[in-house]
Amino acid sequence: MKPVIGVFQAWFCIVVSVFAIVILSVIGALFQSNHHSMTGSMDDPEHPKAVAATVFSAVIIYALFLVGCGFQAYLHFRENRKGAIRIS
């Protein structure tokens, strides 16, 4: 199998996905626990559990991106181990 995206794009996607998963997981956990920093003012959402579910669905999407881009990076790594000549 040949990679579809470039090696730089694959690694950039991995880094962004990991960062997004960590940050969104913390934000979702704060909404899930009804933490006062997320739900303590008048402008905050009325249903923090629904917001947490939406944020966690974004975490799942970023996890799928992480798996897909990780597979692309693996394909690049495997292609380079074979000694194939790359034309960029």
Protein backbone atom coordinates (compact mmCIF):
# COMPACT_ATOMS: atom_id res chain seq x y z
CA MET A 1 0.00 0.00 0.00
CA LYS A 2 1.23 3.49 -0.78
CA PRO A 3 0.67 6.53 1.43
CA VAL A 4 -1.92 9.03 0.27
CA ILE A 5 -0.59 12.11 2.07
CA GLY A 6 2.96 13.35 2.56
CA VAL A 7 5.12 12.50 5.53
CA PHE A 8 5.10 16.07 6.87
CA GLN A 9 1.31 16.27 6.66
CA ALA A 10 0.96 12.91 8.42
CA TRP A 11 3.17 13.92 11.34
CA PHE A 12 1.55 17.37 11.57
CA CYS A 13 -1.86 15.69 11.75
CA ILE A 14 -0.59 13.37 14.50
CA VAL A 15 0.71 16.27 16.59
CA VAL A 16 -2.45 18.35 16.15
CA SER A 17 -4.68 15.35 16.93
CA VAL A 18 -2.83 14.48 20.13
CA PHE A 19 -2.96 18.11 21.27
CA ALA A 20 -6.69 18.34 20.47
CA ILE A 21 -7.47 15.07 22.24
CA VAL A 22 -5.72 16.21 25.42
CA ILE A 23 -7.20 19.71 25.48
CA LEU A 24 -10.74 18.67 24.52
CA SER A 25 -10.71 15.81 27.04
CA VAL A 26 -9.91 18.27 29.82
CA ILE A 27 -12.61 20.68 28.65
CA GLY A 28 -15.16 17.86 28.36
CA ALA A 29 -14.28 16.56 31.81
CA LEU A 30 -14.75 20.03 33.28
CA PHE A 31 -18.19 20.35 31.70
CA GLN A 32 -19.10 16.79 32.74
CA SER A 33 -18.24 17.49 36.38
CA ASN A 34 -20.11 20.83 36.32
CA HIS A 35 -16.91 22.64 37.33
CA HIS A 36 -17.46 26.26 38.34
CA SER A 37 -14.84 27.53 35.86
CA MET A 38 -17.01 26.30 32.99
CA THR A 39 -20.51 26.73 34.39
CA GLY A 40 -20.18 29.52 36.93
CA SER A 41 -21.40 32.59 35.06
CA MET A 42 -24.61 33.76 33.42
CA ASP A 43 -23.29 33.31 29.85
CA ASP A 44 -22.50 29.61 30.24
CA PRO A 45 -24.63 26.83 28.72
CA GLU A 46 -27.74 25.61 30.51
CA HIS A 47 -27.00 21.91 29.88
CA PRO A 48 -23.31 21.24 30.59
CA LYS A 49 -23.76 17.46 30.20
CA ALA A 50 -24.91 17.95 26.60
CA VAL A 51 -21.93 20.20 25.93
CA ALA A 52 -19.64 17.56 27.42
CA ALA A 53 -21.13 14.89 25.15
CA THR A 54 -20.53 17.12 22.11
CA VAL A 55 -16.94 17.79 23.15
CA PHE A 56 -16.32 14.07 23.70
CA SER A 57 -17.69 13.33 20.23
CA ALA A 58 -15.06 15.76 18.88
CA VAL A 59 -12.45 13.79 20.85
CA ILE A 60 -13.58 10.62 19.09
CA ILE A 61 -13.27 12.31 15.70
CA TYR A 62 -9.73 13.48 16.52
CA ALA A 63 -8.89 9.95 17.69
CA LEU A 64 -9.98 8.67 14.28
CA PHE A 65 -7.77 11.31 12.65
CA LEU A 66 -4.91 10.12 14.86
CA VAL A 67 -5.36 6.52 13.76
CA GLY A 68 -5.60 7.46 10.08
CA CYS A 69 -2.60 9.77 10.12
CA GLY A 70 -0.63 7.31 12.21
CA PHE A 71 -1.27 4.68 9.57
CA GLN A 72 -0.07 7.07 6.87
CA ALA A 73 3.11 7.79 8.86
CA TYR A 74 3.63 4.04 9.27
CA LEU A 75 3.30 3.56 5.52
CA HIS A 76 5.96 6.23 4.95
CA PHE A 77 8.23 4.56 7.48
CA ARG A 78 7.74 1.16 5.88
CA GLU A 79 8.35 2.57 2.41
CA ASN A 80 11.60 4.22 3.51
CA ARG A 81 12.88 1.00 5.09
CA LYS A 82 12.61 -0.82 1.77
CA GLY A 83 15.11 1.57 0.21
CA ALA A 84 12.64 2.81 -2.37
CA ILE A 85 13.60 5.91 -4.29
CA ARG A 86 11.20 8.75 -3.64
CA ILE A 87 10.42 11.41 -6.18
CA SER A 88 8.97 14.35 -4.31
